[in-house]
Amino acid sequence: MDSFNIPQYTPSPAEVKCEVEKEGSFTINRLEVSGVNWNAYHGELICPPSDAHKDGGYNVAKLMRAVAEPLLVSHFGDGVIDEVFSRYQKIVADIMSREKTEFVNVTVSLNKHG
């Protein structure tokens, strides 16, 4: 397998607000954006460290595997899955070693009109 694309789009807070207003059934009470470090153990001292603590790519790869594995297995079979996520873990660990990485969450509290 040379490549596989799972499109993902995360809207900006302005886009979320625009869509809610355009749809018209709800009023936004609160809209917040928060960043979550890819390394769930960032800054924690754990002794002795487990694989999850030693390699930040481990946690991200496990999270993505939980989400994407059924789709990948249905397309390619389960024979490639361990290798795919092993490679992915290494790629993510490399990126995390060079740059600040975060998941961005947009949280919205809505009230339904009348």
PDB file of N, CA and C in Angstrom:
ATOM      1  N   MET A   1       0.854  -1.165   0.000  1.00  0.00           N
ATOM      2  CA  MET A   1       0.000   0.000   0.000  1.00  0.00           C
ATOM      3  C   MET A   1       0.903   1.232   0.000  1.00  0.00           C
ATOM      4  N   ASP A   2       0.728   2.089  -0.985  1.00  0.00           N
ATOM      5  CA  ASP A   2       1.525   3.304  -1.075  1.00  0.00           C
ATOM      6  C   ASP A   2       0.876   4.475  -0.350  1.00  0.00           C
ATOM      7  N   SER A   3      -0.438   4.552  -0.409  1.00  0.00           N
ATOM      8  CA  SER A   3      -1.106   5.658   0.272  1.00  0.00           C
ATOM      9  C   SER A   3      -2.581   5.336   0.488  1.00  0.00           C
ATOM     10  N   PHE A   4      -3.155   6.034   1.441  1.00  0.00           N
ATOM     11  CA  PHE A   4      -4.578   5.916   1.749  1.00  0.00           C
ATOM     12  C   PHE A   4      -4.980   7.227   2.395  1.00  0.00           C
ATOM     13  N   ASN A   5      -6.063   7.815   1.978  1.00  0.00           N
ATOM     14  CA  ASN A   5      -6.467   9.126   2.466  1.00  0.00           C
ATOM     15  C   ASN A   5      -7.811   9.016   3.182  1.00  0.00           C
ATOM     16  N   ILE A   6      -7.849   9.455   4.421  1.00  0.00           N
ATOM     17  CA  ILE A   6      -9.103   9.579   5.156  1.00  0.00           C
ATOM     18  C   ILE A   6      -9.314  11.083   5.353  1.00  0.00           C
ATOM     19  N   PRO A   7     -10.156  11.688   4.531  1.00  0.00           N
ATOM     20  CA  PRO A   7     -10.353  13.137   4.659  1.00  0.00           C
ATOM     21  C   PRO A   7     -10.934  13.503   6.026  1.00  0.00           C
ATOM     22  N   GLN A   8     -10.373  14.529   6.606  1.00  0.00           N
ATOM     23  CA  GLN A   8     -10.875  15.039   7.877  1.00  0.00           C
ATOM     24  C   GLN A   8     -10.847  16.553   7.793  1.00  0.00           C
ATOM     25  N   TYR A   9     -11.900  17.169   8.259  1.00  0.00           N
ATOM     26  CA  TYR A   9     -11.968  18.621   8.245  1.00  0.00           C
ATOM     27  C   TYR A   9     -12.399  19.101   9.611  1.00  0.00           C
ATOM     28  N   THR A  10     -11.651  20.008  10.181  1.00  0.00           N
ATOM     29  CA  THR A  10     -12.008  20.616  11.454  1.00  0.00           C
ATOM     30  C   THR A  10     -12.361  22.071  11.189  1.00  0.00           C
ATOM     31  N   PRO A  11     -13.614  22.439  11.396  1.00  0.00           N
ATOM     32  CA  PRO A  11     -14.020  23.813  11.110  1.00  0.00           C
ATOM     33  C   PRO A  11     -13.468  24.795  12.136  1.00  0.00           C
ATOM     34  N   SER A  12     -13.322  26.032  11.697  1.00  0.00           N
ATOM     35  CA  SER A  12     -12.917  27.089  12.618  1.00  0.00           C
ATOM     36  C   SER A  12     -14.125  27.486  13.468  1.00  0.00           C
ATOM     37  N   PRO A  13     -13.898  28.159  14.589  1.00  0.00           N
ATOM     38  CA  PRO A  13     -15.021  28.636  15.398  1.00  0.00           C
ATOM     39  C   PRO A  13     -15.968  29.540  14.591  1.00  0.00           C
ATOM     40  N   ALA A  14     -15.418  30.376  13.722  1.00  0.00           N
ATOM     41  CA  ALA A  14     -16.257  31.262  12.903  1.00  0.00           C
ATOM     42  C   ALA A  14     -17.150  30.459  11.964  1.00  0.00           C
ATOM     43  N   GLU A  15     -16.618  29.365  11.411  1.00  0.00           N
ATOM     44  CA  GLU A  15     -17.426  28.521  10.528  1.00  0.00           C
ATOM     45  C   GLU A  15     -18.552  27.827  11.295  1.00  0.00           C
ATOM     46  N   VAL A  16     -18.246  27.362  12.502  1.00  0.00           N
ATOM     47  CA  VAL A  16     -19.276  26.730  13.326  1.00  0.00           C
ATOM     48  C   VAL A  16     -20.374  27.738  13.624  1.00  0.00           C
ATOM     49  N   LYS A  17     -19.988  28.931  14.052  1.00  0.00           N
ATOM     50  CA  LYS A  17     -20.955  29.979  14.376  1.00  0.00           C
ATOM     51  C   LYS A  17     -21.814  30.314  13.156  1.00  0.00           C
ATOM     52  N   CYS A  18     -21.200  30.456  12.008  1.00  0.00           N
ATOM     53  CA  CYS A  18     -21.913  30.783  10.773  1.00  0.00           C
ATOM     54  C   CYS A  18     -22.943  29.701  10.427  1.00  0.00           C
ATOM     55  N   GLU A  19     -22.555  28.438  10.524  1.00  0.00           N
ATOM     56  CA  GLU A  19     -23.464  27.331  10.188  1.00  0.00           C
ATOM     57  C   GLU A  19     -24.636  27.246  11.157  1.00  0.00           C
ATOM     58  N   VAL A  20     -24.366  27.464  12.449  1.00  0.00           N
ATOM     59  CA  VAL A  20     -25.449  27.437  13.440  1.00  0.00           C
ATOM     60  C   VAL A  20     -26.426  28.569  13.153  1.00  0.00           C
ATOM     61  N   GLU A  21     -25.908  29.760  12.894  1.00  0.00           N
ATOM     62  CA  GLU A  21     -26.771  30.906  12.606  1.00  0.00           C
ATOM     63  C   GLU A  21     -27.537  30.718  11.301  1.00  0.00           C
ATOM     64  N   LYS A  22     -26.881  30.178  10.293  1.00  0.00           N
ATOM     65  CA  LYS A  22     -27.515  29.948   8.992  1.00  0.00           C
ATOM     66  C   LYS A  22     -28.648  28.929   9.104  1.00  0.00           C
ATOM     67  N   GLU A  23     -28.447  27.875   9.894  1.00  0.00           N
ATOM     68  CA  GLU A  23     -29.469  26.847  10.070  1.00  0.00           C
ATOM     69  C   GLU A  23     -30.676  27.404  10.813  1.00  0.00           C
ATOM     70  N   GLY A  24     -30.426  28.249  11.826  1.00  0.00           N
ATOM     71  CA  GLY A  24     -31.481  29.019  12.454  1.00  0.00           C
ATOM     72  C   GLY A  24     -32.259  28.403  13.595  1.00  0.00           C
ATOM     73  N   SER A  25     -32.068  27.148  13.927  1.00  0.00           N
ATOM     74  CA  SER A  25     -32.854  26.499  14.979  1.00  0.00           C
ATOM     75  C   SER A  25     -32.276  26.691  16.375  1.00  0.00           C
ATOM     76  N   PHE A  26     -31.039  27.196  16.468  1.00  0.00           N
ATOM     77  CA  PHE A  26     -30.355  27.267  17.749  1.00  0.00           C
ATOM     78  C   PHE A  26     -29.726  28.632  17.971  1.00  0.00           C
ATOM     79  N   THR A  27     -29.511  28.943  19.245  1.00  0.00           N
ATOM     80  CA  THR A  27     -28.743  30.100  19.661  1.00  0.00           C
ATOM     81  C   THR A  27     -27.490  29.576  20.359  1.00  0.00           C
ATOM     82  N   ILE A  28     -26.361  30.183  20.063  1.00  0.00           N
ATOM     83  CA  ILE A  28     -25.115  29.775  20.707  1.00  0.00           C
ATOM     84  C   ILE A  28     -25.014  30.437  22.069  1.00  0.00           C
ATOM     85  N   ASN A  29     -24.907  29.617  23.111  1.00  0.00           N
ATOM     86  CA  ASN A  29     -24.675  30.125  24.470  1.00  0.00           C
ATOM     87  C   ASN A  29     -23.195  30.377  24.688  1.00  0.00           C
ATOM     88  N   ARG A  30     -22.410  29.430  24.202  1.00  0.00           N
ATOM     89  CA  ARG A  30     -20.971  29.498  24.445  1.00  0.00           C
ATOM     90  C   ARG A  30     -20.258  28.722  23.357  1.00  0.00           C
ATOM     91  N   LEU A  31     -19.144  29.273  22.891  1.00  0.00           N
ATOM     92  CA  LEU A  31     -18.307  28.605  21.903  1.00  0.00           C
ATOM     93  C   LEU A  31     -16.865  28.758  22.367  1.00  0.00           C
ATOM     94  N   GLU A  32     -16.205  27.629  22.591  1.00  0.00           N
ATOM     95  CA  GLU A  32     -14.837  27.656  23.101  1.00  0.00           C
ATOM     96  C   GLU A  32     -13.923  26.798  22.238  1.00  0.00           C
ATOM     97  N   VAL A  33     -12.676  27.213  22.167  1.00  0.00           N
ATOM     98  CA  VAL A  33     -11.649  26.453  21.464  1.00  0.00           C
ATOM     99  C   VAL A  33     -10.580  26.089  22.487  1.00  0.00           C
ATOM    100  N   SER A  34     -10.183  24.825  22.482  1.00  0.00           N
ATOM    101  CA  SER A  34      -9.118  24.408  23.393  1.00  0.00           C
ATOM    102  C   SER A  34      -8.143  23.504  22.646  1.00  0.00           C
ATOM    103  N   GLY A  35      -6.886  23.637  23.003  1.00  0.00           N
ATOM    104  CA  GLY A  35      -5.851  22.789  22.434  1.00  0.00           C
ATOM    105  C   GLY A  35      -5.495  21.693  23.417  1.00  0.00           C
ATOM    106  N   VAL A  36      -5.285  20.490  22.905  1.00  0.00           N
ATOM    107  CA  VAL A  36      -4.888  19.359  23.730  1.00  0.00           C
ATOM    108  C   VAL A  36      -3.589  18.802  23.165  1.00  0.00           C
ATOM    109  N   ASN A  37      -2.556  18.815  23.972  1.00  0.00           N
ATOM    110  CA  ASN A  37      -1.251  18.335  23.545  1.00  0.00           C
ATOM    111  C   ASN A  37      -1.350  16.890  23.077  1.00  0.00           C
ATOM    112  N   TRP A  38      -0.720  16.560  21.944  1.00  0.00           N
ATOM    113  CA  TRP A  38      -0.714  15.184  21.447  1.00  0.00           C
ATOM    114  C   TRP A  38      -0.122  14.238  22.481  1.00  0.00           C
ATOM    115  N   ASN A  39       0.849  14.718  23.241  1.00  0.00           N
ATOM    116  CA  ASN A  39       1.465  13.891  24.266  1.00  0.00           C
ATOM    117  C   ASN A  39       0.661  14.060  25.552  1.00  0.00           C
ATOM    118  N   ALA A  40      -0.169  13.096  25.847  1.00  0.00           N
ATOM    119  CA  ALA A  40      -1.054  13.174  27.009  1.00  0.00           C
ATOM    120  C   ALA A  40      -0.284  13.283  28.320  1.00  0.00           C
ATOM    121  N   TYR A  41       0.974  12.855  28.321  1.00  0.00           N
ATOM    122  CA  TYR A  41       1.776  12.865  29.542  1.00  0.00           C
ATOM    123  C   TYR A  41       2.795  13.997  29.554  1.00  0.00           C
ATOM    124  N   HIS A  42       2.607  14.990  28.708  1.00  0.00           N
ATOM    125  CA  HIS A  42       3.525  16.112  28.601  1.00  0.00           C
ATOM    126  C   HIS A  42       3.727  16.758  29.968  1.00  0.00           C
ATOM    127  N   GLY A  43       4.975  16.790  30.398  1.00  0.00           N
ATOM    128  CA  GLY A  43       5.310  17.461  31.652  1.00  0.00           C
ATOM    129  C   GLY A  43       5.148  16.621  32.904  1.00  0.00           C
ATOM    130  N   GLU A  44       4.642  15.392  32.783  1.00  0.00           N
ATOM    131  CA  GLU A  44       4.476  14.544  33.963  1.00  0.00           C
ATOM    132  C   GLU A  44       5.697  13.669  34.164  1.00  0.00           C
ATOM    133  N   LEU A  45       6.057  13.469  35.412  1.00  0.00           N
ATOM    134  CA  LEU A  45       7.141  12.554  35.743  1.00  0.00           C
ATOM    135  C   LEU A  45       6.528  11.259  36.244  1.00  0.00           C
ATOM    136  N   ILE A  46       6.732  10.177  35.499  1.00  0.00           N
ATOM    137  CA  ILE A  46       6.184   8.877  35.853  1.00  0.00           C
ATOM    138  C   ILE A  46       7.349   7.896  35.971  1.00  0.00           C
ATOM    139  N   CYS A  47       7.452   7.188  37.091  1.00  0.00           N
ATOM    140  CA  CYS A  47       8.527   6.210  37.285  1.00  0.00           C
ATOM    141  C   CYS A  47       7.933   4.855  37.622  1.00  0.00           C
ATOM    142  N   PRO A  48       8.326   3.812  36.967  1.00  0.00           N
ATOM    143  CA  PRO A  48       9.117   3.814  35.735  1.00  0.00           C
ATOM    144  C   PRO A  48       8.225   4.150  34.550  1.00  0.00           C
ATOM    145  N   PRO A  49       8.771   4.816  33.539  1.00  0.00           N
ATOM    146  CA  PRO A  49       7.953   5.184  32.383  1.00  0.00           C
ATOM    147  C   PRO A  49       7.566   3.964  31.541  1.00  0.00           C
ATOM    148  N   SER A  50       6.316   3.942  31.081  1.00  0.00           N
ATOM    149  CA  SER A  50       5.844   2.883  30.186  1.00  0.00           C
ATOM    150  C   SER A  50       6.100   3.314  28.746  1.00  0.00           C
ATOM    151  N   ASP A  51       5.741   2.455  27.771  1.00  0.00           N
ATOM    152  CA  ASP A  51       5.883   2.815  26.358  1.00  0.00           C
ATOM    153  C   ASP A  51       5.124   4.100  26.046  1.00  0.00           C
ATOM    154  N   ALA A  52       3.951   4.246  26.667  1.00  0.00           N
ATOM    155  CA  ALA A  52       3.130   5.429  26.424  1.00  0.00           C
ATOM    156  C   ALA A  52       3.839   6.703  26.856  1.00  0.00           C
ATOM    157  N   HIS A  53       4.677   6.624  27.894  1.00  0.00           N
ATOM    158  CA  HIS A  53       5.389   7.799  28.392  1.00  0.00           C
ATOM    159  C   HIS A  53       6.675   8.060  27.626  1.00  0.00           C
ATOM    160  N   LYS A  54       7.330   7.011  27.162  1.00  0.00           N
ATOM    161  CA  LYS A  54       8.604   7.150  26.461  1.00  0.00           C
ATOM    162  C   LYS A  54       8.433   7.679  25.047  1.00  0.00           C
ATOM    163  N   ASP A  55       7.332   7.321  24.396  1.00  0.00           N
ATOM    164  CA  ASP A  55       7.139   7.625  22.978  1.00  0.00           C
ATOM    165  C   ASP A  55       5.773   8.259  22.782  1.00  0.00           C
ATOM    166  N   GLY A  56       5.761   9.581  22.594  1.00  0.00           N
ATOM    167  CA  GLY A  56       4.499  10.272  22.389  1.00  0.00           C
ATOM    168  C   GLY A  56       3.734   9.756  21.184  1.00  0.00           C
ATOM    169  N   GLY A  57       4.440   9.265  20.181  1.00  0.00           N
ATOM    170  CA  GLY A  57       3.786   8.715  19.005  1.00  0.00           C
ATOM    171  C   GLY A  57       2.947   7.495  19.316  1.00  0.00           C
ATOM    172  N   TYR A  58       3.299   6.803  20.385  1.00  0.00           N
ATOM    173  CA  TYR A  58       2.578   5.597  20.799  1.00  0.00           C
ATOM    174  C   TYR A  58       1.105   5.916  21.075  1.00  0.00           C
ATOM    175  N   ASN A  59       0.851   6.962  21.874  1.00  0.00           N
ATOM    176  CA  ASN A  59      -0.527   7.314  22.237  1.00  0.00           C
ATOM    177  C   ASN A  59      -1.334   7.783  21.042  1.00  0.00           C
ATOM    178  N   VAL A  60      -0.745   8.623  20.208  1.00  0.00           N
ATOM    179  CA  VAL A  60      -1.461   9.129  19.037  1.00  0.00           C
ATOM    180  C   VAL A  60      -1.770   7.976  18.078  1.00  0.00           C
ATOM    181  N   ALA A  61      -0.811   7.084  17.879  1.00  0.00           N
ATOM    182  CA  ALA A  61      -1.035   5.942  16.988  1.00  0.00           C
ATOM    183  C   ALA A  61      -2.140   5.035  17.544  1.00  0.00           C
ATOM    184  N   LYS A  62      -2.172   4.818  18.848  1.00  0.00           N
ATOM    185  CA  LYS A  62      -3.226   3.996  19.449  1.00  0.00           C
ATOM    186  C   LYS A  62      -4.597   4.659  19.267  1.00  0.00           C
ATOM    187  N   LEU A  63      -4.657   5.966  19.466  1.00  0.00           N
ATOM    188  CA  LEU A  63      -5.906   6.693  19.298  1.00  0.00           C
ATOM    189  C   LEU A  63      -6.394   6.598  17.851  1.00  0.00           C
ATOM    190  N   MET A  64      -5.510   6.853  16.905  1.00  0.00           N
ATOM    191  CA  MET A  64      -5.895   6.806  15.492  1.00  0.00           C
ATOM    192  C   MET A  64      -6.236   5.385  15.061  1.00  0.00           C
ATOM    193  N   ARG A  65      -5.559   4.421  15.626  1.00  0.00           N
ATOM    194  CA  ARG A  65      -5.868   3.019  15.290  1.00  0.00           C
ATOM    195  C   ARG A  65      -7.283   2.671  15.743  1.00  0.00           C
ATOM    196  N   ALA A  66      -7.668   3.127  16.933  1.00  0.00           N
ATOM    197  CA  ALA A  66      -9.011   2.854  17.432  1.00  0.00           C
ATOM    198  C   ALA A  66     -10.079   3.418  16.498  1.00  0.00           C
ATOM    199  N   VAL A  67      -9.792   4.545  15.878  1.00  0.00           N
ATOM    200  CA  VAL A  67     -10.748   5.190  14.988  1.00  0.00           C
ATOM    201  C   VAL A  67     -10.697   4.601  13.574  1.00  0.00           C
ATOM    202  N   ALA A  68      -9.497   4.422  13.038  1.00  0.00           N
ATOM    203  CA  ALA A  68      -9.344   4.094  11.615  1.00  0.00           C
ATOM    204  C   ALA A  68      -9.235   2.604  11.302  1.00  0.00           C
ATOM    205  N   GLU A  69      -8.902   1.784  12.273  1.00  0.00           N
ATOM    206  CA  GLU A  69      -8.657   0.368  11.979  1.00  0.00           C
ATOM    207  C   GLU A  69      -9.819  -0.327  11.274  1.00  0.00           C
ATOM    208  N   PRO A  70     -11.072  -0.162  11.714  1.00  0.00           N
ATOM    209  CA  PRO A  70     -12.156  -0.862  11.006  1.00  0.00           C
ATOM    210  C   PRO A  70     -12.254  -0.474   9.526  1.00  0.00           C
ATOM    211  N   LEU A  71     -12.057   0.790   9.226  1.00  0.00           N
ATOM    212  CA  LEU A  71     -12.104   1.238   7.833  1.00  0.00           C
ATOM    213  C   LEU A  71     -10.953   0.647   7.026  1.00  0.00           C
ATOM    214  N   LEU A  72      -9.769   0.656   7.588  1.00  0.00           N
ATOM    215  CA  LEU A  72      -8.601   0.110   6.893  1.00  0.00           C
ATOM    216  C   LEU A  72      -8.720  -1.400   6.684  1.00  0.00           C
ATOM    217  N   VAL A  73      -9.197  -2.107   7.701  1.00  0.00           N
ATOM    218  CA  VAL A  73      -9.359  -3.558   7.581  1.00  0.00           C
ATOM    219  C   VAL A  73     -10.374  -3.892   6.503  1.00  0.00           C
ATOM    220  N   SER A  74     -11.464  -3.128   6.436  1.00  0.00           N
ATOM    221  CA  SER A  74     -12.476  -3.415   5.416  1.00  0.00           C
ATOM    222  C   SER A  74     -11.952  -3.172   4.007  1.00  0.00           C
ATOM    223  N   HIS A  75     -10.988  -2.266   3.855  1.00  0.00           N
ATOM    224  CA  HIS A  75     -10.411  -1.983   2.540  1.00  0.00           C
ATOM    225  C   HIS A  75      -9.253  -2.901   2.174  1.00  0.00           C
ATOM    226  N   PHE A  76      -8.390  -3.175   3.157  1.00  0.00           N
ATOM    227  CA  PHE A  76      -7.118  -3.832   2.857  1.00  0.00           C
ATOM    228  C   PHE A  76      -6.919  -5.170   3.566  1.00  0.00           C
ATOM    229  N   GLY A  77      -7.823  -5.556   4.461  1.00  0.00           N
ATOM    230  CA  GLY A  77      -7.635  -6.768   5.244  1.00  0.00           C
ATOM    231  C   GLY A  77      -6.785  -6.465   6.465  1.00  0.00           C
ATOM    232  N   ASP A  78      -6.722  -7.427   7.384  1.00  0.00           N
ATOM    233  CA  ASP A  78      -6.010  -7.156   8.632  1.00  0.00           C
ATOM    234  C   ASP A  78      -4.525  -7.489   8.578  1.00  0.00           C
ATOM    235  N   GLY A  79      -4.035  -7.977   7.449  1.00  0.00           N
ATOM    236  CA  GLY A  79      -2.631  -8.351   7.334  1.00  0.00           C
ATOM    237  C   GLY A  79      -1.653  -7.191   7.352  1.00  0.00           C
ATOM    238  N   VAL A  80      -2.115  -5.978   7.036  1.00  0.00           N
ATOM    239  CA  VAL A  80      -1.215  -4.819   6.964  1.00  0.00           C
ATOM    240  C   VAL A  80      -1.319  -3.891   8.172  1.00  0.00           C
ATOM    241  N   ILE A  81      -2.295  -4.123   9.015  1.00  0.00           N
ATOM    242  CA  ILE A  81      -2.624  -3.146  10.065  1.00  0.00           C
ATOM    243  C   ILE A  81      -1.478  -2.898  11.043  1.00  0.00           C
ATOM    244  N   ASP A  82      -0.855  -3.946  11.549  1.00  0.00           N
ATOM    245  CA  ASP A  82       0.241  -3.739  12.510  1.00  0.00           C
ATOM    246  C   ASP A  82       1.370  -2.927  11.891  1.00  0.00           C
ATOM    247  N   GLU A  83       1.726  -3.219  10.643  1.00  0.00           N
ATOM    248  CA  GLU A  83       2.805  -2.484   9.963  1.00  0.00           C
ATOM    249  C   GLU A  83       2.420  -1.027   9.719  1.00  0.00           C
ATOM    250  N   VAL A  84       1.181  -0.789   9.295  1.00  0.00           N
ATOM    251  CA  VAL A  84       0.714   0.583   9.046  1.00  0.00           C
ATOM    252  C   VAL A  84       0.840   1.427  10.308  1.00  0.00           C
ATOM    253  N   PHE A  85       0.367   0.917  11.429  1.00  0.00           N
ATOM    254  CA  PHE A  85       0.381   1.717  12.651  1.00  0.00           C
ATOM    255  C   PHE A  85       1.754   1.770  13.301  1.00  0.00           C
ATOM    256  N   SER A  86       2.592   0.812  13.034  1.00  0.00           N
ATOM    257  CA  SER A  86       3.984   0.888  13.479  1.00  0.00           C
ATOM    258  C   SER A  86       4.695   2.023  12.751  1.00  0.00           C
ATOM    259  N   ARG A  87       4.490   2.100  11.445  1.00  0.00           N
ATOM    260  CA  ARG A  87       5.090   3.200  10.663  1.00  0.00           C
ATOM    261  C   ARG A  87       4.504   4.544  11.086  1.00  0.00           C
ATOM    262  N   TYR A  88       3.206   4.572  11.274  1.00  0.00           N
ATOM    263  CA  TYR A  88       2.537   5.807  11.675  1.00  0.00           C
ATOM    264  C   TYR A  88       3.075   6.298  13.021  1.00  0.00           C
ATOM    265  N   GLN A  89       3.271   5.391  13.965  1.00  0.00           N
ATOM    266  CA  GLN A  89       3.812   5.760  15.273  1.00  0.00           C
ATOM    267  C   GLN A  89       5.173   6.430  15.125  1.00  0.00           C
ATOM    268  N   LYS A  90       6.031   5.896  14.261  1.00  0.00           N
ATOM    269  CA  LYS A  90       7.362   6.477  14.047  1.00  0.00           C
ATOM    270  C   LYS A  90       7.271   7.861  13.416  1.00  0.00           C
ATOM    271  N   ILE A  91       6.369   8.016  12.456  1.00  0.00           N
ATOM    272  CA  ILE A  91       6.185   9.320  11.797  1.00  0.00           C
ATOM    273  C   ILE A  91       5.712  10.355  12.808  1.00  0.00           C
ATOM    274  N   VAL A  92       4.715   9.992  13.616  1.00  0.00           N
ATOM    275  CA  VAL A  92       4.174  10.916  14.612  1.00  0.00           C
ATOM    276  C   VAL A  92       5.232  11.265  15.661  1.00  0.00           C
ATOM    277  N   ALA A  93       5.982  10.282  16.130  1.00  0.00           N
ATOM    278  CA  ALA A  93       7.031  10.541  17.127  1.00  0.00           C
ATOM    279  C   ALA A  93       8.063  11.515  16.564  1.00  0.00           C
ATOM    280  N   ASP A  94       8.408  11.357  15.292  1.00  0.00           N
ATOM    281  CA  ASP A  94       9.362  12.269  14.657  1.00  0.00           C
ATOM    282  C   ASP A  94       8.808  13.688  14.611  1.00  0.00           C
ATOM    283  N   ILE A  95       7.560  13.832  14.206  1.00  0.00           N
ATOM    284  CA  ILE A  95       6.934  15.169  14.145  1.00  0.00           C
ATOM    285  C   ILE A  95       6.884  15.792  15.535  1.00  0.00           C
ATOM    286  N   MET A  96       6.495  14.988  16.539  1.00  0.00           N
ATOM    287  CA  MET A  96       6.381  15.497  17.903  1.00  0.00           C
ATOM    288  C   MET A  96       7.727  15.916  18.474  1.00  0.00           C
ATOM    289  N   SER A  97       8.797  15.319  17.986  1.00  0.00           N
ATOM    290  CA  SER A  97      10.122  15.689  18.488  1.00  0.00           C
ATOM    291  C   SER A  97      10.591  17.025  17.912  1.00  0.00           C
ATOM    292  N   ARG A  98       9.953  17.478  16.828  1.00  0.00           N
ATOM    293  CA  ARG A  98      10.400  18.699  16.151  1.00  0.00           C
ATOM    294  C   ARG A  98       9.466  19.888  16.318  1.00  0.00           C
ATOM    295  N   GLU A  99       8.206  19.650  16.641  1.00  0.00           N
ATOM    296  CA  GLU A  99       7.263  20.768  16.715  1.00  0.00           C
ATOM    297  C   GLU A  99       6.210  20.546  17.787  1.00  0.00           C
ATOM    298  N   LYS A 100       5.583  21.646  18.189  1.00  0.00           N
ATOM    299  CA  LYS A 100       4.492  21.568  19.151  1.00  0.00           C
ATOM    300  C   LYS A 100       3.268  21.018  18.416  1.00  0.00           C
ATOM    301  N   THR A 101       2.671  19.994  18.985  1.00  0.00           N
ATOM    302  CA  THR A 101       1.542  19.350  18.326  1.00  0.00           C
ATOM    303  C   THR A 101       0.340  19.350  19.253  1.00  0.00           C
ATOM    304  N   GLU A 102      -0.820  19.724  18.711  1.00  0.00           N
ATOM    305  CA  GLU A 102      -2.049  19.771  19.489  1.00  0.00           C
ATOM    306  C   GLU A 102      -3.229  19.312  18.649  1.00  0.00           C
ATOM    307  N   PHE A 103      -4.186  18.686  19.322  1.00  0.00           N
ATOM    308  CA  PHE A 103      -5.506  18.511  18.744  1.00  0.00           C
ATOM    309  C   PHE A 103      -6.274  19.771  19.117  1.00  0.00           C
ATOM    310  N   VAL A 104      -7.137  20.241  18.239  1.00  0.00           N
ATOM    311  CA  VAL A 104      -7.944  21.415  18.539  1.00  0.00           C
ATOM    312  C   VAL A 104      -9.399  20.976  18.668  1.00  0.00           C
ATOM    313  N   ASN A 105      -9.995  21.313  19.796  1.00  0.00           N
ATOM    314  CA  ASN A 105     -11.399  20.996  20.038  1.00  0.00           C
ATOM    315  C   ASN A 105     -12.222  22.272  19.993  1.00  0.00           C
ATOM    316  N   VAL A 106     -13.326  22.231  19.276  1.00  0.00           N
ATOM    317  CA  VAL A 106     -14.295  23.322  19.281  1.00  0.00           C
ATOM    318  C   VAL A 106     -15.511  22.787  20.035  1.00  0.00           C
ATOM    319  N   THR A 107     -15.819  23.421  21.165  1.00  0.00           N
ATOM    320  CA  THR A 107     -16.945  22.993  22.003  1.00  0.00           C
ATOM    321  C   THR A 107     -18.022  24.065  21.938  1.00  0.00           C
ATOM    322  N   VAL A 108     -19.271  23.639  21.694  1.00  0.00           N
ATOM    323  CA  VAL A 108     -20.362  24.580  21.527  1.00  0.00           C
ATOM    324  C   VAL A 108     -21.525  24.186  22.450  1.00  0.00           C
ATOM    325  N   SER A 109     -22.067  25.171  23.153  1.00  0.00           N
ATOM    326  CA  SER A 109     -23.279  24.988  23.943  1.00  0.00           C
ATOM    327  C   SER A 109     -24.400  25.742  23.223  1.00  0.00           C
ATOM    328  N   LEU A 110     -25.505  25.024  22.932  1.00  0.00           N
ATOM    329  CA  LEU A 110     -26.599  25.590  22.147  1.00  0.00           C
ATOM    330  C   LEU A 110     -27.918  25.533  22.898  1.00  0.00           C
ATOM    331  N   ASN A 111     -28.833  26.451  22.601  1.00  0.00           N
ATOM    332  CA  ASN A 111     -30.222  26.389  23.022  1.00  0.00           C
ATOM    333  C   ASN A 111     -31.090  26.311  21.780  1.00  0.00           C
ATOM    334  N   LYS A 112     -32.065  25.388  21.801  1.00  0.00           N
ATOM    335  CA  LYS A 112     -32.979  25.261  20.681  1.00  0.00           C
ATOM    336  C   LYS A 112     -34.061  26.334  20.814  1.00  0.00           C
ATOM    337  N   HIS A 113     -34.363  26.995  19.698  1.00  0.00           N
ATOM    338  CA  HIS A 113     -35.416  28.011  19.693  1.00  0.00           C
ATOM    339  C   HIS A 113     -36.779  27.366  19.929  1.00  0.00           C
ATOM    340  N   GLY A 114     -37.636  28.061  20.709  1.00  0.00           N
ATOM    341  CA  GLY A 114     -39.019  27.755  21.010  1.00  0.00           C
ATOM    342  C   GLY A 114     -39.509  26.440  20.766  1.00  0.00           C
TER     343      GLY A 114
END
